[in-house]
C-alpha atoms as a PDB file:
ATOM      1  CA  MET A   1     -46.601  22.040  88.450  1.00  0.00           C
ATOM      2  CA  ALA A   2     -48.185  18.598  89.097  1.00  0.00           C
ATOM      3  CA  GLU A   3     -45.494  17.641  91.620  1.00  0.00           C
ATOM      4  CA  ARG A   4     -45.992  20.974  93.397  1.00  0.00           C
ATOM      5  CA  ILE A   5     -49.709  20.316  93.710  1.00  0.00           C
ATOM      6  CA  ALA A   6     -49.080  16.775  95.027  1.00  0.00           C
ATOM      7  CA  ALA A   7     -46.571  18.164  97.534  1.00  0.00           C
ATOM      8  CA  GLU A   8     -49.240  20.524  98.892  1.00  0.00           C
ATOM      9  CA  VAL A   9     -51.906  17.832  99.372  1.00  0.00           C
ATOM     10  CA  ARG A  10     -52.651  17.184 103.051  1.00  0.00           C
ATOM     11  CA  PHE A  11     -54.370  14.168 104.589  1.00  0.00           C
ATOM     12  CA  CYS A  12     -56.763  14.889 107.465  1.00  0.00           C
ATOM     13  CA  PRO A  13     -59.156  12.497 109.194  1.00  0.00           C
ATOM     14  CA  VAL A  14     -62.634  13.067 107.818  1.00  0.00           C
ATOM     15  CA  GLN A  15     -64.905  15.240 109.938  1.00  0.00           C
ATOM     16  CA  GLU A  16     -68.678  14.923 110.086  1.00  0.00           C
ATOM     17  CA  SER A  17     -68.983  18.421 108.607  1.00  0.00           C
ATOM     18  CA  GLU A  18     -67.167  17.171 105.452  1.00  0.00           C
ATOM     19  CA  LEU A  19     -69.583  14.350 104.659  1.00  0.00           C
ATOM     20  CA  GLY A  20     -71.509  16.485 102.158  1.00  0.00           C
ATOM     21  CA  ARG A  21     -68.354  16.943 100.084  1.00  0.00           C
ATOM     22  CA  ILE A  22     -67.501  13.246 100.404  1.00  0.00           C
ATOM     23  CA  ASN A  23     -70.979  12.417  99.091  1.00  0.00           C
ATOM     24  CA  GLU A  24     -70.526  14.896  96.239  1.00  0.00           C
ATOM     25  CA  LEU A  25     -67.211  13.290  95.243  1.00  0.00           C
ATOM     26  CA  CYS A  26     -68.732   9.795  95.395  1.00  0.00           C
ATOM     27  CA  ASN A  27     -71.328  10.876  92.858  1.00  0.00           C
ATOM     28  CA  ILE A  28     -68.924  12.244  90.242  1.00  0.00           C
ATOM     29  CA  PRO A  29     -69.420   9.780  87.356  1.00  0.00           C
ATOM     30  CA  GLU A  30     -65.695   9.143  86.776  1.00  0.00           C
ATOM     31  CA  ILE A  31     -65.296   8.244  90.457  1.00  0.00           C
ATOM     32  CA  ALA A  32     -68.631   6.478  90.972  1.00  0.00           C
ATOM     33  CA  GLU A  33     -68.037   4.028  88.135  1.00  0.00           C
ATOM     34  CA  HIS A  34     -65.276   2.381  90.198  1.00  0.00           C
ATOM     35  CA  PHE A  35     -67.297   2.018  93.418  1.00  0.00           C
ATOM     36  CA  GLU A  36     -69.316  -1.012  94.436  1.00  0.00           C
ATOM     37  CA  SER A  37     -72.378   1.186  95.006  1.00  0.00           C
ATOM     38  CA  ILE A  38     -74.456   2.079  91.997  1.00  0.00           C
ATOM     39  CA  PRO A  39     -74.963   5.855  91.842  1.00  0.00           C
ATOM     40  CA  PRO A  40     -76.463   7.981  92.970  1.00  0.00           C
ATOM     41  CA  VAL A  41     -74.904   7.380  96.387  1.00  0.00           C
ATOM     42  CA  SER A  42     -77.407   8.723  98.889  1.00  0.00           C
ATOM     43  CA  MET A  43     -76.512  10.951 101.801  1.00  0.00           C
ATOM     44  CA  GLU A  44     -77.933   8.197 104.016  1.00  0.00           C
ATOM     45  CA  ALA A  45     -75.269   5.815 102.661  1.00  0.00           C
ATOM     46  CA  THR A  46     -72.591   8.399 103.400  1.00  0.00           C
ATOM     47  CA  LEU A  47     -73.940   8.772 106.936  1.00  0.00           C
ATOM     48  CA  ALA A  48     -73.764   4.980 107.317  1.00  0.00           C
ATOM     49  CA  LEU A  49     -70.079   5.230 106.353  1.00  0.00           C
ATOM     50  CA  TRP A  50     -69.691   7.805 109.125  1.00  0.00           C
ATOM     51  CA  SER A  51     -71.075   5.293 111.637  1.00  0.00           C
ATOM     52  CA  TYR A  52     -68.463   2.734 110.502  1.00  0.00           C
ATOM     53  CA  ILE A  53     -65.759   5.365 110.911  1.00  0.00           C
ATOM     54  CA  GLN A  54     -67.023   6.186 114.402  1.00  0.00           C
ATOM     55  CA  SER A  55     -67.002   2.484 115.337  1.00  0.00           C
ATOM     56  CA  GLY A  56     -63.389   2.080 114.165  1.00  0.00           C
ATOM     57  CA  LEU A  57     -64.157  -0.372 111.357  1.00  0.00           C
ATOM     58  CA  VAL A  58     -63.268   2.151 108.633  1.00  0.00           C
ATOM     59  CA  SER A  59     -60.524   4.787 108.530  1.00  0.00           C
ATOM     60  CA  LEU A  60     -60.937   7.663 106.066  1.00  0.00           C
ATOM     61  CA  TRP A  61     -58.822  10.738 105.375  1.00  0.00           C
ATOM     62  CA  CYS A  62     -59.839  13.651 103.200  1.00  0.00           C
ATOM     63  CA  MET A  63     -57.263  14.862 100.716  1.00  0.00           C
ATOM     64  CA  HIS A  64     -57.060  18.626 100.980  1.00  0.00           C
ATOM     65  CA  TYR A  65     -55.491  20.867  98.382  1.00  0.00           C
ATOM     66  CA  LYS A  66     -55.595  24.463  99.520  1.00  0.00           C
ATOM     67  CA  ASP A  67     -59.156  24.920 100.855  1.00  0.00           C
ATOM     68  CA  ARG A  68     -60.712  22.135  98.761  1.00  0.00           C
ATOM     69  CA  ILE A  69     -61.315  18.451  99.475  1.00  0.00           C
ATOM     70  CA  ILE A  70     -60.168  16.719  96.287  1.00  0.00           C
ATOM     71  CA  GLY A  71     -60.472  13.096  97.330  1.00  0.00           C
ATOM     72  CA  GLY A  72     -60.508  10.459  99.967  1.00  0.00           C
ATOM     73  CA  ALA A  73     -58.197   7.644 101.012  1.00  0.00           C
ATOM     74  CA  GLY A  74     -58.973   4.984 103.531  1.00  0.00           C
ATOM     75  CA  PHE A  75     -59.140   1.367 104.515  1.00  0.00           C
ATOM     76  CA  TYR A  76     -61.225  -1.100 106.437  1.00  0.00           C
ATOM     77  CA  SER A  77     -60.417  -4.330 108.203  1.00  0.00           C
ATOM     78  CA  GLN A  78     -62.008  -7.098 110.158  1.00  0.00           C
ATOM     79  CA  PRO A  79     -62.093  -6.682 113.954  1.00  0.00           C
ATOM     80  CA  PRO A  80     -59.086  -7.952 115.943  1.00  0.00           C
ATOM     81  CA  GLY A  81     -59.280 -11.628 116.807  1.00  0.00           C
ATOM     82  CA  THR A  82     -60.646 -12.727 113.437  1.00  0.00           C
ATOM     83  CA  ARG A  83     -58.712 -14.756 110.891  1.00  0.00           C
ATOM     84  CA  LEU A  84     -58.615 -11.764 108.526  1.00  0.00           C
ATOM     85  CA  SER A  85     -57.727  -9.021 111.012  1.00  0.00           C
ATOM     86  CA  HIS A  86     -54.106  -8.826 109.810  1.00  0.00           C
ATOM     87  CA  SER A  87     -55.190  -7.445 106.428  1.00  0.00           C
ATOM     88  CA  ALA A  88     -56.385  -3.962 105.475  1.00  0.00           C
ATOM     89  CA  VAL A  89     -58.503  -3.351 102.370  1.00  0.00           C
ATOM     90  CA  PHE A  90     -57.878   0.105 100.933  1.00  0.00           C
ATOM     91  CA  PHE A  91     -59.882   2.478  98.783  1.00  0.00           C
ATOM     92  CA  LEU A  92     -58.880   5.684  97.080  1.00  0.00           C
ATOM     93  CA  TYR A  93     -60.630   8.289  94.975  1.00  0.00           C
ATOM     94  CA  ILE A  94     -59.487  11.603  93.554  1.00  0.00           C
ATOM     95  CA  GLU A  95     -61.437  14.313  91.788  1.00  0.00           C
ATOM     96  CA  PRO A  96     -60.764  13.842  88.041  1.00  0.00           C
ATOM     97  CA  ALA A  97     -59.328  17.368  87.606  1.00  0.00           C
ATOM     98  CA  TYR A  98     -56.434  16.231  89.827  1.00  0.00           C
ATOM     99  CA  TRP A  99     -55.658  12.933  88.076  1.00  0.00           C
ATOM    100  CA  GLY A 100     -52.149  12.492  86.677  1.00  0.00           C
ATOM    101  CA  MET A 101     -50.517  14.766  89.258  1.00  0.00           C
ATOM    102  CA  SER A 102     -48.847  12.087  91.436  1.00  0.00           C
ATOM    103  CA  ILE A 103     -51.530  12.521  94.103  1.00  0.00           C
ATOM    104  CA  GLY A 104     -52.509   8.843  93.852  1.00  0.00           C
ATOM    105  CA  THR A 105     -48.898   7.823  94.494  1.00  0.00           C
ATOM    106  CA  LYS A 106     -48.704  10.151  97.492  1.00  0.00           C
ATOM    107  CA  ALA A 107     -52.027   8.836  98.817  1.00  0.00           C
ATOM    108  CA  MET A 108     -50.944   5.205  98.473  1.00  0.00           C
ATOM    109  CA  LYS A 109     -47.688   5.878 100.336  1.00  0.00           C
ATOM    110  CA  PHE A 110     -49.699   7.646 103.048  1.00  0.00           C
ATOM    111  CA  LEU A 111     -52.100   4.685 103.332  1.00  0.00           C
ATOM    112  CA  GLU A 112     -49.288   2.144 103.385  1.00  0.00           C
ATOM    113  CA  ASP A 113     -47.602   4.059 106.203  1.00  0.00           C
ATOM    114  CA  GLU A 114     -50.844   4.241 108.214  1.00  0.00           C
ATOM    115  CA  VAL A 115     -51.624   0.555 107.677  1.00  0.00           C
ATOM    116  CA  SER A 116     -48.080  -0.514 108.531  1.00  0.00           C
ATOM    117  CA  LYS A 117     -47.947   1.656 111.690  1.00  0.00           C
ATOM    118  CA  ARG A 118     -51.121  -0.047 112.899  1.00  0.00           C
ATOM    119  CA  GLY A 119     -49.458  -3.462 112.641  1.00  0.00           C
ATOM    120  CA  PHE A 120     -51.222  -4.919 109.617  1.00  0.00           C
ATOM    121  CA  ILE A 121     -49.092  -7.326 107.625  1.00  0.00           C
ATOM    122  CA  ARG A 122     -50.865  -6.946 104.290  1.00  0.00           C
ATOM    123  CA  ILE A 123     -52.797  -4.383 102.304  1.00  0.00           C
ATOM    124  CA  GLU A 124     -55.077  -5.281  99.437  1.00  0.00           C
ATOM    125  CA  CYS A 125     -57.757  -4.107  97.056  1.00  0.00           C
ATOM    126  CA  MET A 126     -60.067  -5.228  94.301  1.00  0.00           C
ATOM    127  CA  VAL A 127     -59.907  -3.174  91.135  1.00  0.00           C
ATOM    128  CA  ALA A 128     -62.017  -3.569  88.003  1.00  0.00           C
ATOM    129  CA  ASP A 129     -60.435  -4.235  84.632  1.00  0.00           C
ATOM    130  CA  THR A 130     -62.147  -1.008  83.565  1.00  0.00           C
ATOM    131  CA  ASN A 131     -59.687   0.968  85.752  1.00  0.00           C
ATOM    132  CA  PRO A 132     -56.267   0.417  84.107  1.00  0.00           C
ATOM    133  CA  ARG A 133     -54.836   3.647  85.594  1.00  0.00           C
ATOM    134  CA  ALA A 134     -55.303   2.251  89.091  1.00  0.00           C
ATOM    135  CA  VAL A 135     -53.884  -1.152  88.133  1.00  0.00           C
ATOM    136  CA  CYS A 136     -50.757   0.534  86.715  1.00  0.00           C
ATOM    137  CA  LEU A 137     -50.329   2.652  89.854  1.00  0.00           C
ATOM    138  CA  TYR A 138     -50.615  -0.339  92.174  1.00  0.00           C
ATOM    139  CA  GLU A 139     -48.239  -2.453  90.072  1.00  0.00           C
ATOM    140  CA  ARG A 140     -45.711   0.397  90.029  1.00  0.00           C
ATOM    141  CA  LEU A 141     -45.894   0.504  93.843  1.00  0.00           C
ATOM    142  CA  GLY A 142     -45.193  -3.220  94.198  1.00  0.00           C
ATOM    143  CA  TYR A 143     -48.689  -4.680  94.426  1.00  0.00           C
ATOM    144  CA  GLU A 144     -49.008  -8.134  92.962  1.00  0.00           C
ATOM    145  CA  LEU A 145     -51.925  -9.625  91.100  1.00  0.00           C
ATOM    146  CA  GLU A 146     -53.162 -12.350  93.450  1.00  0.00           C
ATOM    147  CA  GLY A 147     -56.185 -13.471  91.499  1.00  0.00           C
ATOM    148  CA  THR A 148     -59.097 -12.534  89.309  1.00  0.00           C
ATOM    149  CA  LYS A 149     -62.778 -12.672  90.134  1.00  0.00           C
ATOM    150  CA  LYS A 150     -64.426 -13.389  86.791  1.00  0.00           C
ATOM    151  CA  MET A 151     -67.429 -11.254  85.838  1.00  0.00           C
ATOM    152  CA  ALA A 152     -67.631  -9.902  89.394  1.00  0.00           C
ATOM    153  CA  PHE A 153     -68.229  -6.212  88.644  1.00  0.00           C
ATOM    154  CA  TYR A 154     -71.284  -4.826  86.844  1.00  0.00           C
ATOM    155  CA  LEU A 155     -70.850  -1.571  84.936  1.00  0.00           C
ATOM    156  CA  ASP A 156     -72.791  -0.041  82.059  1.00  0.00           C
ATOM    157  CA  GLY A 157     -74.850  -3.153  81.459  1.00  0.00           C
ATOM    158  CA  LYS A 158     -71.818  -5.472  81.297  1.00  0.00           C
ATOM    159  CA  TYR A 159     -69.971  -7.746  83.680  1.00  0.00           C
ATOM    160  CA  THR A 160     -66.219  -7.333  83.958  1.00  0.00           C
ATOM    161  CA  ASP A 161     -63.456  -8.936  85.985  1.00  0.00           C
ATOM    162  CA  LEU A 162     -62.062  -7.713  89.286  1.00  0.00           C
ATOM    163  CA  LYS A 163     -58.357  -8.007  89.960  1.00  0.00           C
ATOM    164  CA  ILE A 164     -57.342  -8.847  93.514  1.00  0.00           C
ATOM    165  CA  MET A 165     -54.066  -7.066  94.255  1.00  0.00           C
ATOM    166  CA  GLY A 166     -52.035  -7.110  97.431  1.00  0.00           C
ATOM    167  CA  LYS A 167     -48.788  -6.258  99.113  1.00  0.00           C
ATOM    168  CA  ILE A 168     -47.148  -7.823 102.180  1.00  0.00           C
ATOM    169  CA  PHE A 169     -45.376  -5.764 104.837  1.00  0.00           C
ATOM    170  CA  TRP A 170     -42.563  -8.237 105.511  1.00  0.00           C
ATOM    171  CA  ASP A 171     -41.088  -6.125 108.321  1.00  0.00           C
ATOM    172  CA  ASN A 172     -44.405  -6.229 110.185  1.00  0.00           C
ATOM    173  CA  LEU A 173     -44.641  -9.976 109.634  1.00  0.00           C
ATOM    174  CA  ALA A 174     -41.204 -10.492 111.210  1.00  0.00           C
ATOM    175  CA  GLU A 175     -42.207  -8.312 114.183  1.00  0.00           C
ATOM    176  CA  GLU A 176     -45.600 -10.009 114.476  1.00  0.00           C
ATOM    177  CA  GLY A 177     -44.003 -13.411 114.932  1.00  0.00           C
ATOM    178  CA  LEU A 178     -46.648 -15.862 116.037  1.00  0.00           C
ATOM    179  CA  HIS A 179     -48.987 -13.171 117.352  1.00  0.00           C
ATOM    180  CA  HIS A 180     -52.098 -12.214 115.450  1.00  0.00           C
ATOM    181  CA  ARG A 181     -54.024  -8.936 115.602  1.00  0.00           C
END
Protein backbone atom coordinates (compact mmCIF):
# COMPACT_ATOMS: atom_id res chain seq x y z
CA MET A 1 0.00 0.00 0.00
CA ALA A 2 2.73 2.52 0.99
CA GLU A 3 4.71 1.88 -2.20
CA ARG A 4 1.54 2.35 -4.25
CA ILE A 5 0.91 5.71 -2.62
CA ALA A 6 4.54 6.79 -3.22
CA ALA A 7 4.25 5.69 -6.86
CA GLU A 8 1.22 7.96 -7.31
CA VAL A 9 2.87 11.08 -5.84
CA ARG A 10 3.47 13.76 -8.48
CA PHE A 11 5.82 16.74 -8.29
CA CYS A 12 4.52 20.00 -9.78
CA PRO A 13 6.07 23.46 -9.58
CA VAL A 14 4.26 25.43 -6.90
CA GLN A 15 1.59 27.82 -8.15
CA GLU A 16 0.61 31.06 -6.43
CA SER A 17 -2.87 29.63 -5.83
CA GLU A 18 -1.29 26.84 -3.71
CA LEU A 19 0.48 29.12 -1.24
CA GLY A 20 -2.35 28.84 1.30
CA ARG A 21 -1.84 25.08 1.48
CA ILE A 22 1.94 25.51 1.66
CA ASN A 23 1.44 27.87 4.60
CA GLU A 24 -0.92 25.38 6.25
CA LEU A 25 1.65 22.58 5.91
CA CYS A 26 4.42 24.80 7.30
CA ASN A 27 2.35 25.32 10.43
CA ILE A 28 1.71 21.65 11.22
CA PRO A 29 3.66 21.19 14.48
CA GLU A 30 5.49 18.02 13.37
CA ILE A 31 6.71 19.84 10.26
CA ALA A 32 7.27 23.28 11.79
CA GLU A 33 9.58 21.96 14.50
CA HIS A 34 12.20 21.21 11.82
CA PHE A 35 12.07 24.62 10.11
CA GLU A 36 14.29 27.57 10.89
CA SER A 37 11.23 29.80 11.34
CA ILE A 38 9.48 29.70 14.67
CA PRO A 39 5.76 29.05 14.17
CA PRO A 40 3.33 30.31 13.42
CA VAL A 41 4.65 30.97 9.91
CA SER A 42 2.71 33.96 8.65
CA MET A 43 1.12 34.17 5.23
CA GLU A 44 3.36 37.19 4.65
CA ALA A 45 6.41 34.93 5.10
CA THR A 46 4.95 32.46 2.62
CA LEU A 47 4.38 35.30 0.15
CA ALA A 48 8.02 36.33 0.62
CA LEU A 49 8.98 32.77 -0.35
CA TRP A 50 6.88 33.22 -3.49
CA SER A 51 8.93 36.30 -4.40
CA TYR A 52 12.14 34.25 -4.07
CA ILE A 53 10.62 31.58 -6.29
CA GLN A 54 9.66 34.21 -8.86
CA SER A 55 13.20 35.63 -8.81
CA GLY A 56 14.73 32.19 -9.42
CA LEU A 57 16.58 31.99 -6.10
CA VAL A 58 14.33 29.20 -4.78
CA SER A 59 12.79 26.23 -6.59
CA LEU A 60 9.78 24.54 -4.96
CA TRP A 61 7.57 21.66 -6.07
CA CYS A 62 4.35 20.61 -4.42
CA MET A 63 3.92 16.91 -3.79
CA HIS A 64 0.48 15.91 -4.98
CA TYR A 65 -1.26 12.70 -4.02
CA LYS A 66 -4.59 12.45 -5.77
CA ASP A 67 -6.14 15.92 -5.34
CA ARG A 68 -4.20 16.82 -2.18
CA ILE A 69 -0.90 18.64 -1.66
CA ILE A 70 0.90 16.50 0.92
CA GLY A 71 4.26 18.22 1.01
CA GLY A 72 6.90 20.30 -0.61
CA ALA A 73 10.40 19.69 -1.93
CA GLY A 74 12.80 22.32 -3.10
CA PHE A 75 16.20 23.90 -3.03
CA TYR A 76 17.93 27.23 -3.11
CA SER A 77 21.35 28.33 -4.25
CA GLN A 78 23.54 31.35 -4.53
CA PRO A 79 23.37 33.29 -7.82
CA PRO A 80 25.72 32.20 -10.63
CA GLY A 81 29.16 33.75 -10.43
CA THR A 82 29.50 33.40 -6.66
CA ARG A 83 31.89 31.03 -4.93
CA LEU A 84 28.96 28.95 -3.66
CA SER A 85 26.86 28.81 -6.82
CA HIS A 86 27.83 25.18 -7.55
CA SER A 87 25.93 23.95 -4.47
CA ALA A 88 22.20 23.53 -3.91
CA VAL A 89 20.70 23.49 -0.41
CA PHE A 90 17.57 21.34 -0.27
CA PHE A 91 14.52 21.24 1.95
CA LEU A 92 11.74 18.71 2.19
CA TYR A 93 8.56 18.37 4.20
CA ILE A 94 5.75 15.85 4.11
CA GLU A 95 2.42 15.82 5.91
CA PRO A 96 2.84 13.45 8.89
CA ALA A 97 0.00 11.14 7.77
CA TYR A 98 2.20 10.23 4.79
CA TRP A 99 5.44 9.54 6.68
CA GLY A 100 6.95 6.07 6.32
CA MET A 101 5.54 5.49 2.83
CA SER A 102 8.77 5.95 0.81
CA ILE A 103 7.63 9.41 -0.30
CA GLY A 104 10.73 11.03 1.22
CA THR A 105 12.96 8.68 -0.79
CA LYS A 106 11.04 9.48 -3.97
CA ALA A 107 11.23 13.22 -3.23
CA MET A 108 14.98 13.09 -2.61
CA LYS A 109 15.58 11.23 -5.88
CA PHE A 110 13.42 13.82 -7.66
CA LEU A 111 15.40 16.69 -6.09
CA GLU A 112 18.75 15.09 -6.87
CA ASP A 113 17.71 14.68 -10.50
CA GLU A 114 16.57 18.32 -10.74
CA VAL A 115 19.73 19.63 -9.06
CA SER A 116 21.99 17.46 -11.21
CA LYS A 117 20.21 18.43 -14.46
CA ARG A 118 20.81 22.08 -13.61
CA GLY A 119 24.56 21.48 -13.38
CA PHE A 120 25.13 21.72 -9.64
CA ILE A 121 27.98 19.58 -8.38
CA ARG A 122 26.80 19.19 -4.80
CA ILE A 123 23.60 19.07 -2.79
CA GLU A 124 23.48 19.67 0.93
CA CYS A 125 21.30 20.32 3.95
CA MET A 126 21.38 21.06 7.64
CA VAL A 127 19.30 18.75 9.79
CA ALA A 128 18.74 18.95 13.54
CA ASP A 129 19.68 16.08 15.82
CA THR A 130 16.00 16.09 16.79
CA ASN A 131 15.13 14.71 13.31
CA PRO A 132 16.70 11.21 13.24
CA ARG A 133 14.26 9.98 10.55
CA ALA A 134 15.64 12.54 8.11
CA VAL A 135 19.25 11.77 9.05
CA CYS A 136 18.64 8.05 8.40
CA LEU A 137 17.01 8.78 5.03
CA TYR A 138 19.87 10.99 3.88
CA GLU A 139 22.52 8.51 5.05
CA ARG A 140 20.71 5.69 3.24
CA LEU A 141 20.80 7.79 0.05
CA GLY A 142 24.56 8.37 0.28
CA TYR A 143 24.75 11.71 2.06
CA GLU A 144 27.78 12.10 4.26
CA LEU A 145 28.07 13.90 7.56
CA GLU A 146 30.36 16.83 6.77
CA GLY A 147 30.25 18.57 10.11
CA THR A 148 28.23 19.57 13.12
CA LYS A 149 27.17 23.03 14.18
CA LYS A 150 27.05 22.82 17.97
CA MET A 151 23.97 24.22 19.70
CA ALA A 152 22.87 25.88 16.45
CA PHE A 153 19.15 25.03 16.52
CA TYR A 154 16.69 26.22 19.17
CA LEU A 155 13.66 24.04 19.84
CA ASP A 156 11.37 23.73 22.85
CA GLY A 157 13.55 25.90 25.04
CA LYS A 158 16.75 23.95 24.29
CA TYR A 159 19.67 24.27 21.92
CA THR A 160 20.57 21.25 19.83
CA ASP A 161 23.15 20.46 17.17
CA LEU A 162 22.70 20.72 13.42
CA LYS A 163 24.28 18.13 11.18
CA ILE A 164 25.65 19.37 7.87
CA MET A 165 25.15 16.62 5.28
CA GLY A 166 26.09 16.63 1.63
CA LYS A 167 26.51 14.63 -1.52
CA ILE A 168 28.74 15.29 -4.54
CA PHE A 169 27.59 14.70 -8.11
CA TRP A 170 30.91 13.39 -9.44
CA ASP A 171 29.62 13.10 -13.01
CA ASN A 172 28.72 16.80 -13.02
CA LEU A 173 32.11 17.68 -11.57
CA ALA A 174 33.87 15.83 -14.41
CA GLU A 175 31.68 17.62 -16.98
CA GLU A 176 32.14 20.98 -15.24
CA GLY A 177 35.91 20.80 -15.59
CA LEU A 178 37.38 24.16 -14.73
CA HIS A 179 34.15 26.05 -15.37
CA HIS A 180 32.06 27.35 -12.51
CA ARG A 181 28.34 28.15 -12.49
